[in-house]
Amino acid sequence: MSSKSKRKTPELVVRDGVPTAVILDIGEYQELLERLEDAEDLKMLEKMRQKPLRFRKLEDFLKGLAITDVL
């Protein structure tokens, strides 16, 4: 059996007749978090793509990181 078929149905917590929380299977919760993170990454990527690309010489980039002192 796959883990998806073993998932429990989410449980709704109701207080005074008002839904206040949901109890999810931990695997489903982690999957939701991953999907949310992916969606945020895509939004950031789209925003980055709207800006023009800027290129620098490798030497200038390394100077900015102060890696040349270590090498």
N, C-alpha and C. Protein backbone atom coordinates (compact mmCIF):
# COMPACT_ATOMS: atom_id res chain seq x y z
N MET A 1 0.83 -1.20 0.00
CA MET A 1 0.00 0.00 0.00
C MET A 1 0.87 1.25 0.00
N SER A 2 0.43 2.26 -0.71
CA SER A 2 1.18 3.51 -0.72
C SER A 2 0.83 4.32 0.52
N SER A 3 1.72 5.26 0.85
CA SER A 3 1.48 6.08 2.04
C SER A 3 0.26 6.97 1.87
N LYS A 4 -0.09 7.29 0.60
CA LYS A 4 -1.25 8.14 0.37
C LYS A 4 -2.54 7.42 0.76
N SER A 5 -2.61 6.11 0.54
CA SER A 5 -3.83 5.38 0.89
C SER A 5 -3.96 5.21 2.40
N LYS A 6 -2.89 5.35 3.14
CA LYS A 6 -2.91 5.21 4.59
C LYS A 6 -3.27 6.52 5.30
N ARG A 7 -3.30 7.60 4.56
CA ARG A 7 -3.55 8.90 5.19
C ARG A 7 -4.92 8.94 5.84
N LYS A 8 -4.94 9.62 6.95
CA LYS A 8 -6.19 9.80 7.67
C LYS A 8 -6.90 11.03 7.13
N THR A 9 -8.18 11.03 7.29
CA THR A 9 -8.96 12.20 6.92
C THR A 9 -8.67 13.32 7.91
N PRO A 10 -8.44 14.54 7.42
CA PRO A 10 -8.20 15.65 8.36
C PRO A 10 -9.37 15.80 9.34
N GLU A 11 -9.04 16.12 10.58
CA GLU A 11 -10.06 16.30 11.61
C GLU A 11 -10.24 17.79 11.88
N LEU A 12 -11.44 18.20 11.95
CA LEU A 12 -11.78 19.60 12.20
C LEU A 12 -12.07 19.79 13.68
N VAL A 13 -11.43 20.76 14.29
CA VAL A 13 -11.66 21.09 15.70
C VAL A 13 -12.64 22.26 15.74
N VAL A 14 -13.74 22.06 16.46
CA VAL A 14 -14.79 23.09 16.52
C VAL A 14 -14.95 23.52 17.98
N ARG A 15 -14.96 24.83 18.19
CA ARG A 15 -15.20 25.39 19.53
C ARG A 15 -16.35 26.37 19.45
N ASP A 16 -17.32 26.16 20.28
CA ASP A 16 -18.52 27.01 20.29
C ASP A 16 -19.15 27.10 18.90
N GLY A 17 -19.12 25.97 18.18
CA GLY A 17 -19.74 25.92 16.86
C GLY A 17 -18.92 26.56 15.75
N VAL A 18 -17.69 26.98 16.06
CA VAL A 18 -16.85 27.64 15.06
C VAL A 18 -15.60 26.80 14.81
N PRO A 19 -15.31 26.48 13.54
CA PRO A 19 -14.07 25.74 13.24
C PRO A 19 -12.86 26.57 13.66
N THR A 20 -11.97 25.96 14.47
CA THR A 20 -10.81 26.70 14.96
C THR A 20 -9.47 26.10 14.57
N ALA A 21 -9.46 24.81 14.18
CA ALA A 21 -8.20 24.16 13.84
C ALA A 21 -8.48 22.92 13.00
N VAL A 22 -7.41 22.43 12.38
CA VAL A 22 -7.48 21.20 11.60
C VAL A 22 -6.32 20.30 12.04
N ILE A 23 -6.60 19.04 12.25
CA ILE A 23 -5.56 18.07 12.59
C ILE A 23 -5.27 17.26 11.33
N LEU A 24 -4.00 17.31 10.89
CA LEU A 24 -3.58 16.63 9.66
C LEU A 24 -2.59 15.53 9.98
N ASP A 25 -2.52 14.55 9.09
CA ASP A 25 -1.46 13.57 9.13
C ASP A 25 -0.13 14.30 8.95
N ILE A 26 0.91 13.91 9.67
CA ILE A 26 2.19 14.63 9.62
C ILE A 26 2.77 14.64 8.21
N GLY A 27 2.62 13.55 7.48
CA GLY A 27 3.12 13.49 6.11
C GLY A 27 2.42 14.49 5.21
N GLU A 28 1.12 14.61 5.39
CA GLU A 28 0.34 15.56 4.61
C GLU A 28 0.74 17.00 4.97
N TYR A 29 0.95 17.24 6.26
CA TYR A 29 1.39 18.56 6.71
C TYR A 29 2.74 18.93 6.09
N GLN A 30 3.68 17.99 6.10
CA GLN A 30 5.00 18.25 5.52
C GLN A 30 4.90 18.51 4.02
N GLU A 31 4.03 17.76 3.35
CA GLU A 31 3.83 17.97 1.92
C GLU A 31 3.26 19.37 1.64
N LEU A 32 2.33 19.80 2.48
CA LEU A 32 1.78 21.15 2.34
C LEU A 32 2.86 22.21 2.52
N LEU A 33 3.73 22.01 3.52
CA LEU A 33 4.82 22.96 3.74
C LEU A 33 5.76 23.02 2.53
N GLU A 34 6.08 21.86 1.95
CA GLU A 34 6.94 21.81 0.78
C GLU A 34 6.30 22.53 -0.40
N ARG A 35 5.00 22.31 -0.59
CA ARG A 35 4.31 22.98 -1.69
C ARG A 35 4.30 24.49 -1.50
N LEU A 36 4.09 24.93 -0.26
CA LEU A 36 4.10 26.35 0.04
C LEU A 36 5.48 26.95 -0.25
N GLU A 37 6.53 26.24 0.16
CA GLU A 37 7.89 26.69 -0.08
C GLU A 37 8.17 26.76 -1.59
N ASP A 38 7.71 25.77 -2.33
CA ASP A 38 7.89 25.78 -3.78
C ASP A 38 7.18 26.97 -4.41
N ALA A 39 5.96 27.25 -3.95
CA ALA A 39 5.20 28.38 -4.49
C ALA A 39 5.91 29.70 -4.20
N GLU A 40 6.46 29.84 -2.98
CA GLU A 40 7.21 31.05 -2.64
C GLU A 40 8.46 31.18 -3.50
N ASP A 41 9.14 30.06 -3.74
CA ASP A 41 10.34 30.08 -4.60
C ASP A 41 9.98 30.52 -6.01
N LEU A 42 8.86 30.03 -6.55
CA LEU A 42 8.43 30.41 -7.89
C LEU A 42 8.10 31.90 -7.98
N LYS A 43 7.45 32.42 -6.94
CA LYS A 43 7.15 33.85 -6.92
C LYS A 43 8.43 34.67 -6.93
N MET A 44 9.42 34.24 -6.13
CA MET A 44 10.69 34.95 -6.07
C MET A 44 11.40 34.88 -7.42
N LEU A 45 11.37 33.72 -8.06
CA LEU A 45 12.00 33.54 -9.36
C LEU A 45 11.35 34.44 -10.41
N GLU A 46 10.02 34.49 -10.42
CA GLU A 46 9.32 35.37 -11.35
C GLU A 46 9.71 36.83 -11.14
N LYS A 47 9.83 37.24 -9.89
CA LYS A 47 10.22 38.61 -9.57
C LYS A 47 11.65 38.89 -10.06
N MET A 48 12.53 37.90 -9.87
CA MET A 48 13.92 38.06 -10.31
C MET A 48 14.00 38.15 -11.83
N ARG A 49 13.16 37.41 -12.53
CA ARG A 49 13.19 37.40 -13.99
C ARG A 49 12.71 38.71 -14.59
N GLN A 50 11.98 39.50 -13.84
CA GLN A 50 11.48 40.78 -14.34
C GLN A 50 12.59 41.83 -14.38
N LYS A 51 13.63 41.62 -13.61
CA LYS A 51 14.74 42.57 -13.57
C LYS A 51 15.74 42.22 -14.66
N PRO A 52 16.40 43.23 -15.23
CA PRO A 52 17.42 42.93 -16.25
C PRO A 52 18.62 42.23 -15.63
N LEU A 53 19.24 41.36 -16.41
CA LEU A 53 20.42 40.64 -15.93
C LEU A 53 21.62 41.58 -15.88
N ARG A 54 22.43 41.42 -14.86
CA ARG A 54 23.68 42.18 -14.74
C ARG A 54 24.81 41.17 -14.62
N PHE A 55 25.85 41.39 -15.38
CA PHE A 55 26.99 40.49 -15.35
C PHE A 55 28.20 41.23 -14.80
N ARG A 56 29.03 40.50 -14.05
CA ARG A 56 30.28 41.05 -13.53
C ARG A 56 31.40 40.09 -13.87
N LYS A 57 32.59 40.63 -13.88
CA LYS A 57 33.75 39.77 -14.08
C LYS A 57 33.92 38.91 -12.84
N LEU A 58 34.44 37.70 -13.02
CA LEU A 58 34.65 36.78 -11.91
C LEU A 58 35.56 37.40 -10.85
N GLU A 59 36.59 38.10 -11.29
CA GLU A 59 37.52 38.73 -10.35
C GLU A 59 36.81 39.74 -9.46
N ASP A 60 35.91 40.52 -10.06
CA ASP A 60 35.17 41.52 -9.28
C ASP A 60 34.24 40.85 -8.27
N PHE A 61 33.60 39.76 -8.69
CA PHE A 61 32.73 39.01 -7.80
C PHE A 61 33.51 38.46 -6.62
N LEU A 62 34.66 37.88 -6.89
CA LEU A 62 35.48 37.30 -5.83
C LEU A 62 36.00 38.37 -4.88
N LYS A 63 36.34 39.53 -5.39
CA LYS A 63 36.77 40.62 -4.52
C LYS A 63 35.66 41.03 -3.57
N GLY A 64 34.44 41.04 -4.07
CA GLY A 64 33.29 41.40 -3.25
C GLY A 64 33.04 40.39 -2.13
N LEU A 65 33.43 39.15 -2.34
CA LEU A 65 33.27 38.13 -1.32
C LEU A 65 34.46 38.01 -0.41
N ALA A 66 35.53 38.67 -0.74
CA ALA A 66 36.79 38.63 0.02
C ALA A 66 37.37 37.23 0.06
N ILE A 67 37.11 36.44 -0.97
CA ILE A 67 37.65 35.09 -1.06
C ILE A 67 39.11 35.14 -1.50
N THR A 68 39.49 36.17 -2.22
CA THR A 68 40.86 36.24 -2.72
C THR A 68 41.88 36.26 -1.59
N ASP A 69 41.47 36.73 -0.41
CA ASP A 69 42.39 36.73 0.75
C ASP A 69 42.67 35.31 1.21
N VAL A 70 41.69 34.43 1.08
CA VAL A 70 41.82 33.06 1.53
C VAL A 70 42.66 32.25 0.55
N LEU A 71 42.50 32.54 -0.73
CA LEU A 71 43.24 31.79 -1.76
C LEU A 71 44.67 32.19 -1.71
